[in-house]
Amino acid sequence: MVERAASGNLDILMLGRDLYHATRGLTPHQALDQARFALGVALSAKAEQT
């Protein structure tokens, strides 16, 4: 599932891993803000890939 979500882009996989570790100690609100930012970065990376 992770490989499919990343579509072979190692940067997206690394972003997800880093996000997981960075948000473990945050409040739900803070974690959601971080996840939104990460989604934006991932979508930008995907757009550049195509």
PDB file of N, CA and C in Angstrom:
ATOM      1  N   MET A   1       0.815  -1.184   0.000  1.00  0.00           N
ATOM      2  CA  MET A   1       0.000   0.000   0.000  1.00  0.00           C
ATOM      3  C   MET A   1       0.867   1.260   0.000  1.00  0.00           C
ATOM      4  N   VAL A   2       1.922   1.252   0.790  1.00  0.00           N
ATOM      5  CA  VAL A   2       2.812   2.411   0.837  1.00  0.00           C
ATOM      6  C   VAL A   2       3.471   2.615  -0.515  1.00  0.00           C
ATOM      7  N   GLU A   3       3.935   1.550  -1.125  1.00  0.00           N
ATOM      8  CA  GLU A   3       4.578   1.674  -2.432  1.00  0.00           C
ATOM      9  C   GLU A   3       3.602   2.232  -3.460  1.00  0.00           C
ATOM     10  N   ARG A   4       2.381   1.762  -3.413  1.00  0.00           N
ATOM     11  CA  ARG A   4       1.375   2.246  -4.361  1.00  0.00           C
ATOM     12  C   ARG A   4       1.088   3.722  -4.130  1.00  0.00           C
ATOM     13  N   ALA A   5       0.978   4.129  -2.866  1.00  0.00           N
ATOM     14  CA  ALA A   5       0.695   5.532  -2.548  1.00  0.00           C
ATOM     15  C   ALA A   5       1.830   6.440  -2.999  1.00  0.00           C
ATOM     16  N   ALA A   6       3.037   5.987  -2.883  1.00  0.00           N
ATOM     17  CA  ALA A   6       4.189   6.799  -3.248  1.00  0.00           C
ATOM     18  C   ALA A   6       4.464   6.779  -4.744  1.00  0.00           C
ATOM     19  N   SER A   7       3.873   5.838  -5.461  1.00  0.00           N
ATOM     20  CA  SER A   7       4.064   5.712  -6.904  1.00  0.00           C
ATOM     21  C   SER A   7       5.543   5.694  -7.280  1.00  0.00           C
ATOM     22  N   GLY A   8       6.331   5.040  -6.455  1.00  0.00           N
ATOM     23  CA  GLY A   8       7.745   4.907  -6.749  1.00  0.00           C
ATOM     24  C   GLY A   8       8.583   6.126  -6.395  1.00  0.00           C
ATOM     25  N   ASN A   9       7.998   7.142  -5.768  1.00  0.00           N
ATOM     26  CA  ASN A   9       8.739   8.353  -5.423  1.00  0.00           C
ATOM     27  C   ASN A   9       9.281   8.201  -4.005  1.00  0.00           C
ATOM     28  N   LEU A  10      10.565   8.004  -3.904  1.00  0.00           N
ATOM     29  CA  LEU A  10      11.213   7.797  -2.613  1.00  0.00           C
ATOM     30  C   LEU A  10      11.046   9.006  -1.692  1.00  0.00           C
ATOM     31  N   ASP A  11      10.981  10.202  -2.260  1.00  0.00           N
ATOM     32  CA  ASP A  11      10.803  11.405  -1.441  1.00  0.00           C
ATOM     33  C   ASP A  11       9.487  11.364  -0.669  1.00  0.00           C
ATOM     34  N   ILE A  12       8.439  10.863  -1.293  1.00  0.00           N
ATOM     35  CA  ILE A  12       7.141  10.778  -0.623  1.00  0.00           C
ATOM     36  C   ILE A  12       7.189   9.736   0.484  1.00  0.00           C
ATOM     37  N   LEU A  13       7.841   8.624   0.244  1.00  0.00           N
ATOM     38  CA  LEU A  13       7.991   7.611   1.289  1.00  0.00           C
ATOM     39  C   LEU A  13       8.743   8.174   2.493  1.00  0.00           C
ATOM     40  N   MET A  14       9.817   8.902   2.224  1.00  0.00           N
ATOM     41  CA  MET A  14      10.610   9.482   3.307  1.00  0.00           C
ATOM     42  C   MET A  14       9.809  10.544   4.051  1.00  0.00           C
ATOM     43  N   LEU A  15       9.019  11.319   3.327  1.00  0.00           N
ATOM     44  CA  LEU A  15       8.177  12.329   3.953  1.00  0.00           C
ATOM     45  C   LEU A  15       7.180  11.684   4.913  1.00  0.00           C
ATOM     46  N   GLY A  16       6.554  10.605   4.488  1.00  0.00           N
ATOM     47  CA  GLY A  16       5.615   9.896   5.352  1.00  0.00           C
ATOM     48  C   GLY A  16       6.279   9.342   6.599  1.00  0.00           C
ATOM     49  N   ARG A  17       7.453   8.787   6.433  1.00  0.00           N
ATOM     50  CA  ARG A  17       8.190   8.255   7.583  1.00  0.00           C
ATOM     51  C   ARG A  17       8.550   9.368   8.555  1.00  0.00           C
ATOM     52  N   ASP A  18       9.053  10.470   8.020  1.00  0.00           N
ATOM     53  CA  ASP A  18       9.424  11.601   8.868  1.00  0.00           C
ATOM     54  C   ASP A  18       8.198  12.190   9.564  1.00  0.00           C
ATOM     55  N   LEU A  19       7.090  12.271   8.855  1.00  0.00           N
ATOM     56  CA  LEU A  19       5.861  12.801   9.438  1.00  0.00           C
ATOM     57  C   LEU A  19       5.391  11.922  10.593  1.00  0.00           C
ATOM     58  N   TYR A  20       5.453  10.632  10.401  1.00  0.00           N
ATOM     59  CA  TYR A  20       5.041   9.712  11.465  1.00  0.00           C
ATOM     60  C   TYR A  20       5.866   9.955  12.736  1.00  0.00           C
ATOM     61  N   HIS A  21       7.163  10.030  12.573  1.00  0.00           N
ATOM     62  CA  HIS A  21       8.027  10.218  13.741  1.00  0.00           C
ATOM     63  C   HIS A  21       7.872  11.613  14.356  1.00  0.00           C
ATOM     64  N   ALA A  22       7.655  12.616  13.521  1.00  0.00           N
ATOM     65  CA  ALA A  22       7.540  13.986  14.015  1.00  0.00           C
ATOM     66  C   ALA A  22       6.234  14.244  14.752  1.00  0.00           C
ATOM     67  N   THR A  23       5.185  13.510  14.423  1.00  0.00           N
ATOM     68  CA  THR A  23       3.873  13.804  15.008  1.00  0.00           C
ATOM     69  C   THR A  23       3.516  12.911  16.190  1.00  0.00           C
ATOM     70  N   ARG A  24       4.356  11.994  16.543  1.00  0.00           N
ATOM     71  CA  ARG A  24       4.020  11.061  17.628  1.00  0.00           C
ATOM     72  C   ARG A  24       3.762  11.751  18.955  1.00  0.00           C
ATOM     73  N   GLY A  25       4.435  12.840  19.247  1.00  0.00           N
ATOM     74  CA  GLY A  25       4.260  13.494  20.536  1.00  0.00           C
ATOM     75  C   GLY A  25       3.391  14.743  20.486  1.00  0.00           C
ATOM     76  N   LEU A  26       2.774  15.011  19.346  1.00  0.00           N
ATOM     77  CA  LEU A  26       1.993  16.233  19.196  1.00  0.00           C
ATOM     78  C   LEU A  26       0.536  16.031  19.598  1.00  0.00           C
ATOM     79  N   THR A  27      -0.128  17.144  19.807  1.00  0.00           N
ATOM     80  CA  THR A  27      -1.578  17.076  20.026  1.00  0.00           C
ATOM     81  C   THR A  27      -2.242  16.722  18.691  1.00  0.00           C
ATOM     82  N   PRO A  28      -3.471  16.241  18.726  1.00  0.00           N
ATOM     83  CA  PRO A  28      -4.157  15.940  17.460  1.00  0.00           C
ATOM     84  C   PRO A  28      -4.216  17.133  16.507  1.00  0.00           C
ATOM     85  N   HIS A  29      -4.445  18.327  17.047  1.00  0.00           N
ATOM     86  CA  HIS A  29      -4.507  19.521  16.197  1.00  0.00           C
ATOM     87  C   HIS A  29      -3.157  19.786  15.531  1.00  0.00           C
ATOM     88  N   GLN A  30      -2.090  19.695  16.296  1.00  0.00           N
ATOM     89  CA  GLN A  30      -0.753  19.923  15.743  1.00  0.00           C
ATOM     90  C   GLN A  30      -0.409  18.856  14.705  1.00  0.00           C
ATOM     91  N   ALA A  31      -0.756  17.615  14.994  1.00  0.00           N
ATOM     92  CA  ALA A  31      -0.475  16.524  14.057  1.00  0.00           C
ATOM     93  C   ALA A  31      -1.244  16.725  12.755  1.00  0.00           C
ATOM     94  N   LEU A  32      -2.485  17.187  12.854  1.00  0.00           N
ATOM     95  CA  LEU A  32      -3.278  17.441  11.655  1.00  0.00           C
ATOM     96  C   LEU A  32      -2.671  18.559  10.822  1.00  0.00           C
ATOM     97  N   ASP A  33      -2.198  19.605  11.469  1.00  0.00           N
ATOM     98  CA  ASP A  33      -1.524  20.685  10.742  1.00  0.00           C
ATOM     99  C   ASP A  33      -0.291  20.167  10.018  1.00  0.00           C
ATOM    100  N   GLN A  34       0.488  19.347  10.687  1.00  0.00           N
ATOM    101  CA  GLN A  34       1.682  18.759  10.068  1.00  0.00           C
ATOM    102  C   GLN A  34       1.301  17.859   8.891  1.00  0.00           C
ATOM    103  N   ALA A  35       0.235  17.093   9.052  1.00  0.00           N
ATOM    104  CA  ALA A  35      -0.211  16.192   7.984  1.00  0.00           C
ATOM    105  C   ALA A  35      -0.685  16.988   6.771  1.00  0.00           C
ATOM    106  N   ARG A  36      -1.376  18.090   7.004  1.00  0.00           N
ATOM    107  CA  ARG A  36      -1.827  18.937   5.885  1.00  0.00           C
ATOM    108  C   ARG A  36      -0.634  19.494   5.122  1.00  0.00           C
ATOM    109  N   PHE A  37       0.361  19.950   5.856  1.00  0.00           N
ATOM    110  CA  PHE A  37       1.563  20.466   5.212  1.00  0.00           C
ATOM    111  C   PHE A  37       2.244  19.370   4.397  1.00  0.00           C
ATOM    112  N   ALA A  38       2.367  18.195   4.982  1.00  0.00           N
ATOM    113  CA  ALA A  38       3.010  17.073   4.288  1.00  0.00           C
ATOM    114  C   ALA A  38       2.236  16.682   3.039  1.00  0.00           C
ATOM    115  N   LEU A  39       0.916  16.733   3.110  1.00  0.00           N
ATOM    116  CA  LEU A  39       0.109  16.416   1.932  1.00  0.00           C
ATOM    117  C   LEU A  39       0.387  17.415   0.816  1.00  0.00           C
ATOM    118  N   GLY A  40       0.482  18.678   1.159  1.00  0.00           N
ATOM    119  CA  GLY A  40       0.802  19.687   0.154  1.00  0.00           C
ATOM    120  C   GLY A  40       2.150  19.446  -0.491  1.00  0.00           C
ATOM    121  N   VAL A  41       3.133  19.095   0.309  1.00  0.00           N
ATOM    122  CA  VAL A  41       4.464  18.803  -0.214  1.00  0.00           C
ATOM    123  C   VAL A  41       4.420  17.576  -1.123  1.00  0.00           C
ATOM    124  N   ALA A  42       3.704  16.547  -0.696  1.00  0.00           N
ATOM    125  CA  ALA A  42       3.612  15.320  -1.492  1.00  0.00           C
ATOM    126  C   ALA A  42       2.915  15.576  -2.819  1.00  0.00           C
ATOM    127  N   LEU A  43       1.844  16.370  -2.797  1.00  0.00           N
ATOM    128  CA  LEU A  43       1.136  16.674  -4.040  1.00  0.00           C
ATOM    129  C   LEU A  43       1.996  17.502  -4.984  1.00  0.00           C
ATOM    130  N   SER A  44       2.767  18.408  -4.430  1.00  0.00           N
ATOM    131  CA  SER A  44       3.679  19.188  -5.263  1.00  0.00           C
ATOM    132  C   SER A  44       4.739  18.295  -5.896  1.00  0.00           C
ATOM    133  N   ALA A  45       5.265  17.382  -5.114  1.00  0.00           N
ATOM    134  CA  ALA A  45       6.281  16.452  -5.636  1.00  0.00           C
ATOM    135  C   ALA A  45       5.683  15.586  -6.730  1.00  0.00           C
ATOM    136  N   LYS A  46       4.457  15.151  -6.533  1.00  0.00           N
ATOM    137  CA  LYS A  46       3.787  14.306  -7.531  1.00  0.00           C
ATOM    138  C   LYS A  46       3.574  15.094  -8.815  1.00  0.00           C
ATOM    139  N   ALA A  47       3.170  16.370  -8.694  1.00  0.00           N
ATOM    140  CA  ALA A  47       2.945  17.211  -9.869  1.00  0.00           C
ATOM    141  C   ALA A  47       4.243  17.431 -10.641  1.00  0.00           C
ATOM    142  N   GLU A  48       5.347  17.598  -9.933  1.00  0.00           N
ATOM    143  CA  GLU A  48       6.634  17.789 -10.595  1.00  0.00           C
ATOM    144  C   GLU A  48       7.098  16.520 -11.298  1.00  0.00           C
ATOM    145  N   GLN A  49       6.673  15.389 -10.769  1.00  0.00           N
ATOM    146  CA  GLN A  49       7.087  14.094 -11.329  1.00  0.00           C
ATOM    147  C   GLN A  49       6.442  13.852 -12.689  1.00  0.00           C
ATOM    148  N   THR A  50       5.252  14.393 -12.896  1.00  0.00           N
ATOM    149  CA  THR A  50       4.536  14.136 -14.151  1.00  0.00           C
ATOM    150  C   THR A  50       4.822  15.177 -15.191  1.00  0.00           C
TER     151      THR A  50
END
